[in-house]
Amino acid sequence: PLPPRQLEILTLLALEPDGFTPARLRTALYGDRTVTASTFKAEISHLRRALHGGIATRRYALTVPVSCDAREVLQALEHGDVDTALRLYRGPLLPRSEAPGIEEWRTHLEVAVREAVLAGSSPEHALSYGERAPYDAEVHQHALRLLDPHDTRRALAAGRLATALRY
């Protein structure tokens, strides 16, 4: 596995196939933190080596195919395939990362998946997403609205809603 910073860089490059200028990638990784140019270049160099040269030099972009769950979730949503998006969505993107670019993509991904569920008419989608979002009362209310009154899964959605409303 890659060290955390290299994983952040790889994730950003996978999510933005057009790549980054060095200054923009540096900001996406470090924000306002003071980091030397040599530290930043070393991180890129280590990742480039791990990818056998798979990062362009002047504009940082991947030159080799890389699988990225977050990208696949977003592509599924772009095609209206909420089933696939929910199957691939494993929760917040790199939840321990404090890199500004990762935080932006994390929010983008969470909002996109949640809104697709709330816009849909599938109780399965609402139940599935609700499992990953235990404190999201709106999602649990949505599941209850969609479930047939005699569906035994209503108890699950009602229990989740009661828990969410306590917080």
C-alpha atoms as a PDB file:
ATOM      1  CA  PRO A   1       0.000   0.000   0.000  1.00  0.00           C
ATOM      2  CA  LEU A   2       0.994   3.585  -0.631  1.00  0.00           C
ATOM      3  CA  PRO A   3       1.836   6.055   2.143  1.00  0.00           C
ATOM      4  CA  PRO A   4      -1.097   8.401   2.935  1.00  0.00           C
ATOM      5  CA  ARG A   5       0.249  11.465   1.079  1.00  0.00           C
ATOM      6  CA  GLN A   6       0.951   9.430  -2.070  1.00  0.00           C
ATOM      7  CA  LEU A   7      -2.534   7.920  -1.868  1.00  0.00           C
ATOM      8  CA  GLU A   8      -3.974  11.430  -1.658  1.00  0.00           C
ATOM      9  CA  ILE A   9      -2.009  12.510  -4.731  1.00  0.00           C
ATOM     10  CA  LEU A  10      -3.035   9.402  -6.654  1.00  0.00           C
ATOM     11  CA  THR A  11      -6.688   9.907  -5.705  1.00  0.00           C
ATOM     12  CA  LEU A  12      -6.655  13.546  -6.798  1.00  0.00           C
ATOM     13  CA  LEU A  13      -5.026  12.643 -10.115  1.00  0.00           C
ATOM     14  CA  ALA A  14      -7.540   9.836 -10.683  1.00  0.00           C
ATOM     15  CA  LEU A  15     -10.481  12.134  -9.961  1.00  0.00           C
ATOM     16  CA  GLU A  16      -9.180  14.921 -12.207  1.00  0.00           C
ATOM     17  CA  PRO A  17      -7.951  13.239 -15.406  1.00  0.00           C
ATOM     18  CA  ASP A  18      -7.024  16.592 -16.981  1.00  0.00           C
ATOM     19  CA  GLY A  19      -4.437  16.927 -14.242  1.00  0.00           C
ATOM     20  CA  PHE A  20      -3.089  19.778 -12.175  1.00  0.00           C
ATOM     21  CA  THR A  21      -0.588  22.544 -12.492  1.00  0.00           C
ATOM     22  CA  PRO A  22       2.093  22.068  -9.837  1.00  0.00           C
ATOM     23  CA  ALA A  23       0.770  25.054  -7.858  1.00  0.00           C
ATOM     24  CA  ARG A  24      -2.823  23.799  -7.909  1.00  0.00           C
ATOM     25  CA  LEU A  25      -1.865  20.268  -6.856  1.00  0.00           C
ATOM     26  CA  ARG A  26       0.286  21.668  -4.058  1.00  0.00           C
ATOM     27  CA  THR A  27      -2.672  23.723  -2.818  1.00  0.00           C
ATOM     28  CA  ALA A  28      -5.006  20.720  -3.101  1.00  0.00           C
ATOM     29  CA  LEU A  29      -2.616  18.716  -0.936  1.00  0.00           C
ATOM     30  CA  TYR A  30      -1.374  21.212   1.612  1.00  0.00           C
ATOM     31  CA  GLY A  31      -3.705  24.203   1.513  1.00  0.00           C
ATOM     32  CA  ASP A  32      -2.141  27.089   3.406  1.00  0.00           C
ATOM     33  CA  ARG A  33       0.409  24.915   5.204  1.00  0.00           C
ATOM     34  CA  THR A  34       4.014  25.811   4.497  1.00  0.00           C
ATOM     35  CA  VAL A  35       5.669  22.933   2.665  1.00  0.00           C
ATOM     36  CA  THR A  36       8.938  23.219   0.800  1.00  0.00           C
ATOM     37  CA  ALA A  37       9.052  22.714  -2.935  1.00  0.00           C
ATOM     38  CA  SER A  38      11.521  19.882  -2.439  1.00  0.00           C
ATOM     39  CA  THR A  39       9.128  18.028  -0.117  1.00  0.00           C
ATOM     40  CA  PHE A  40       6.310  18.384  -2.625  1.00  0.00           C
ATOM     41  CA  LYS A  41       8.502  17.269  -5.534  1.00  0.00           C
ATOM     42  CA  ALA A  42       9.756  14.304  -3.505  1.00  0.00           C
ATOM     43  CA  GLU A  43       6.179  13.132  -2.879  1.00  0.00           C
ATOM     44  CA  ILE A  44       5.438  13.301  -6.610  1.00  0.00           C
ATOM     45  CA  SER A  45       8.698  11.561  -7.412  1.00  0.00           C
ATOM     46  CA  HIS A  46       7.990   8.676  -5.017  1.00  0.00           C
ATOM     47  CA  LEU A  47       4.539   8.175  -6.501  1.00  0.00           C
ATOM     48  CA  ARG A  48       5.870   8.429 -10.055  1.00  0.00           C
ATOM     49  CA  ARG A  49       8.376   5.701  -9.189  1.00  0.00           C
ATOM     50  CA  ALA A  50       5.629   3.507  -7.665  1.00  0.00           C
ATOM     51  CA  LEU A  51       3.619   3.944 -10.892  1.00  0.00           C
ATOM     52  CA  HIS A  52       6.661   3.178 -13.075  1.00  0.00           C
ATOM     53  CA  GLY A  53       6.676   6.708 -14.477  1.00  0.00           C
ATOM     54  CA  GLY A  54       2.883   6.974 -14.818  1.00  0.00           C
ATOM     55  CA  ILE A  55       2.656  10.703 -14.021  1.00  0.00           C
ATOM     56  CA  ALA A  56       3.254  13.420 -16.605  1.00  0.00           C
ATOM     57  CA  THR A  57       5.905  15.963 -15.635  1.00  0.00           C
ATOM     58  CA  ARG A  58       4.881  19.510 -16.568  1.00  0.00           C
ATOM     59  CA  ARG A  59       1.197  19.163 -15.812  1.00  0.00           C
ATOM     60  CA  TYR A  60       0.678  16.490 -13.194  1.00  0.00           C
ATOM     61  CA  ALA A  61      -1.698  13.923 -14.687  1.00  0.00           C
ATOM     62  CA  LEU A  62      -1.841  10.152 -14.792  1.00  0.00           C
ATOM     63  CA  THR A  63      -0.443   8.571 -17.942  1.00  0.00           C
ATOM     64  CA  VAL A  64      -1.425   5.032 -16.910  1.00  0.00           C
ATOM     65  CA  PRO A  65      -4.888   3.698 -16.131  1.00  0.00           C
ATOM     66  CA  VAL A  66      -5.679   3.609 -12.420  1.00  0.00           C
ATOM     67  CA  SER A  67      -8.817   2.223 -10.815  1.00  0.00           C
ATOM     68  CA  CYS A  68     -10.499   4.576  -8.361  1.00  0.00           C
ATOM     69  CA  ASP A  69     -13.703   3.615  -6.531  1.00  0.00           C
ATOM     70  CA  ALA A  70     -14.741   7.242  -6.086  1.00  0.00           C
ATOM     71  CA  ARG A  71     -14.421   7.909  -9.830  1.00  0.00           C
ATOM     72  CA  GLU A  72     -16.431   4.760 -10.585  1.00  0.00           C
ATOM     73  CA  VAL A  73     -19.178   5.854  -8.162  1.00  0.00           C
ATOM     74  CA  LEU A  74     -19.399   9.245  -9.853  1.00  0.00           C
ATOM     75  CA  GLN A  75     -19.445   7.668 -13.321  1.00  0.00           C
ATOM     76  CA  ALA A  76     -22.282   5.364 -12.257  1.00  0.00           C
ATOM     77  CA  LEU A  77     -24.241   8.372 -10.991  1.00  0.00           C
ATOM     78  CA  GLU A  78     -23.572  10.232 -14.259  1.00  0.00           C
ATOM     79  CA  HIS A  79     -25.233   7.304 -16.042  1.00  0.00           C
ATOM     80  CA  GLY A  80     -28.136   7.213 -13.582  1.00  0.00           C
ATOM     81  CA  ASP A  81     -27.008   3.842 -12.213  1.00  0.00           C
ATOM     82  CA  VAL A  82     -27.665   4.273  -8.511  1.00  0.00           C
ATOM     83  CA  ASP A  83     -27.492   0.489  -7.910  1.00  0.00           C
ATOM     84  CA  THR A  84     -23.866   0.385  -9.045  1.00  0.00           C
ATOM     85  CA  ALA A  85     -23.005   3.637  -7.278  1.00  0.00           C
ATOM     86  CA  LEU A  86     -24.299   2.315  -3.962  1.00  0.00           C
ATOM     87  CA  ARG A  87     -22.604  -1.038  -4.452  1.00  0.00           C
ATOM     88  CA  LEU A  88     -19.263   0.720  -5.023  1.00  0.00           C
ATOM     89  CA  TYR A  89     -19.685   3.468  -2.422  1.00  0.00           C
ATOM     90  CA  ARG A  90     -17.895   2.428   0.753  1.00  0.00           C
ATOM     91  CA  GLY A  91     -18.334   5.624   2.727  1.00  0.00           C
ATOM     92  CA  PRO A  92     -16.392   8.878   2.979  1.00  0.00           C
ATOM     93  CA  LEU A  93     -13.414   9.281   0.657  1.00  0.00           C
ATOM     94  CA  LEU A  94     -10.108   8.894   2.553  1.00  0.00           C
ATOM     95  CA  PRO A  95     -11.841   9.857   5.813  1.00  0.00           C
ATOM     96  CA  ARG A  96      -8.602  10.630   7.704  1.00  0.00           C
ATOM     97  CA  SER A  97      -7.246  12.956   5.039  1.00  0.00           C
ATOM     98  CA  GLU A  98      -7.107  16.660   5.770  1.00  0.00           C
ATOM     99  CA  ALA A  99      -5.879  17.592   2.296  1.00  0.00           C
ATOM    100  CA  PRO A 100      -8.167  20.375   1.043  1.00  0.00           C
ATOM    101  CA  GLY A 101      -8.591  18.754  -2.386  1.00  0.00           C
ATOM    102  CA  ILE A 102      -9.573  15.429  -0.829  1.00  0.00           C
ATOM    103  CA  GLU A 103     -11.991  17.166   1.557  1.00  0.00           C
ATOM    104  CA  GLU A 104     -13.678  18.853  -1.447  1.00  0.00           C
ATOM    105  CA  TRP A 105     -13.988  15.565  -3.338  1.00  0.00           C
ATOM    106  CA  ARG A 106     -15.215  13.800  -0.180  1.00  0.00           C
ATOM    107  CA  THR A 107     -18.039  16.319   0.184  1.00  0.00           C
ATOM    108  CA  HIS A 108     -18.837  16.187  -3.539  1.00  0.00           C
ATOM    109  CA  LEU A 109     -19.072  12.403  -3.469  1.00  0.00           C
ATOM    110  CA  GLU A 110     -21.165  12.238  -0.279  1.00  0.00           C
ATOM    111  CA  VAL A 111     -23.623  14.851  -1.510  1.00  0.00           C
ATOM    112  CA  ALA A 112     -23.936  13.228  -4.955  1.00  0.00           C
ATOM    113  CA  VAL A 113     -24.684   9.770  -3.536  1.00  0.00           C
ATOM    114  CA  ARG A 114     -27.083  11.094  -0.903  1.00  0.00           C
ATOM    115  CA  GLU A 115     -28.987  13.262  -3.359  1.00  0.00           C
ATOM    116  CA  ALA A 116     -29.298  10.382  -5.840  1.00  0.00           C
ATOM    117  CA  VAL A 117     -30.847   8.265  -3.088  1.00  0.00           C
ATOM    118  CA  LEU A 118     -33.230  11.022  -1.978  1.00  0.00           C
ATOM    119  CA  ALA A 119     -34.273  11.737  -5.575  1.00  0.00           C
ATOM    120  CA  GLY A 120     -35.024   8.075  -6.221  1.00  0.00           C
ATOM    121  CA  SER A 121     -38.016   5.893  -5.541  1.00  0.00           C
ATOM    122  CA  SER A 122     -36.189   2.778  -4.416  1.00  0.00           C
ATOM    123  CA  PRO A 123     -36.606   1.767  -0.785  1.00  0.00           C
ATOM    124  CA  GLU A 124     -33.612  -0.558  -1.253  1.00  0.00           C
ATOM    125  CA  HIS A 125     -31.416   2.410  -2.118  1.00  0.00           C
ATOM    126  CA  ALA A 126     -32.627   4.372   0.898  1.00  0.00           C
ATOM    127  CA  LEU A 127     -32.091   1.383   3.216  1.00  0.00           C
ATOM    128  CA  SER A 128     -28.665   0.651   1.785  1.00  0.00           C
ATOM    129  CA  TYR A 129     -27.463   4.232   2.069  1.00  0.00           C
ATOM    130  CA  GLY A 130     -29.102   4.581   5.484  1.00  0.00           C
ATOM    131  CA  GLU A 131     -26.897   1.784   6.758  1.00  0.00           C
ATOM    132  CA  ARG A 132     -23.850   3.972   6.020  1.00  0.00           C
ATOM    133  CA  ALA A 133     -25.500   7.170   7.256  1.00  0.00           C
ATOM    134  CA  PRO A 134     -26.954   6.249  10.653  1.00  0.00           C
ATOM    135  CA  TYR A 135     -27.535   9.868  11.727  1.00  0.00           C
ATOM    136  CA  ASP A 136     -29.218  11.058   8.515  1.00  0.00           C
ATOM    137  CA  ALA A 137     -32.853  11.370   9.571  1.00  0.00           C
ATOM    138  CA  GLU A 138     -33.957  12.568   6.133  1.00  0.00           C
ATOM    139  CA  VAL A 139     -32.718   9.372   4.476  1.00  0.00           C
ATOM    140  CA  HIS A 140     -34.512   7.190   7.043  1.00  0.00           C
ATOM    141  CA  GLN A 141     -37.726   9.213   6.626  1.00  0.00           C
ATOM    142  CA  HIS A 142     -37.392   8.741   2.862  1.00  0.00           C
ATOM    143  CA  ALA A 143     -37.054   4.973   3.334  1.00  0.00           C
ATOM    144  CA  LEU A 144     -40.192   4.902   5.484  1.00  0.00           C
ATOM    145  CA  ARG A 145     -42.149   6.865   2.860  1.00  0.00           C
ATOM    146  CA  LEU A 146     -41.099   4.421   0.148  1.00  0.00           C
ATOM    147  CA  LEU A 147     -41.637   1.171   2.018  1.00  0.00           C
ATOM    148  CA  ASP A 148     -44.982  -0.594   1.813  1.00  0.00           C
ATOM    149  CA  PRO A 149     -46.901  -0.343   5.108  1.00  0.00           C
ATOM    150  CA  HIS A 150     -46.641  -4.128   5.536  1.00  0.00           C
ATOM    151  CA  ASP A 151     -42.922  -4.354   4.715  1.00  0.00           C
ATOM    152  CA  THR A 152     -41.102  -5.701   7.761  1.00  0.00           C
ATOM    153  CA  ARG A 153     -38.068  -3.567   6.870  1.00  0.00           C
ATOM    154  CA  ARG A 154     -40.051  -0.554   8.106  1.00  0.00           C
ATOM    155  CA  ALA A 155     -38.983  -1.559  11.628  1.00  0.00           C
ATOM    156  CA  LEU A 156     -35.345  -1.215  10.588  1.00  0.00           C
ATOM    157  CA  ALA A 157     -35.924   2.206   9.026  1.00  0.00           C
ATOM    158  CA  ALA A 158     -38.001   3.357  12.025  1.00  0.00           C
ATOM    159  CA  GLY A 159     -35.296   2.248  14.447  1.00  0.00           C
ATOM    160  CA  ARG A 160     -32.635   4.083  12.452  1.00  0.00           C
ATOM    161  CA  LEU A 161     -34.821   7.192  12.331  1.00  0.00           C
ATOM    162  CA  ALA A 162     -35.370   7.116  16.094  1.00  0.00           C
ATOM    163  CA  THR A 163     -31.603   6.864  16.630  1.00  0.00           C
ATOM    164  CA  ALA A 164     -30.907   9.687  14.183  1.00  0.00           C
ATOM    165  CA  LEU A 165     -33.448  11.969  15.832  1.00  0.00           C
ATOM    166  CA  ARG A 166     -31.736  11.507  19.198  1.00  0.00           C
ATOM    167  CA  TYR A 167     -28.618  13.229  17.810  1.00  0.00           C
END
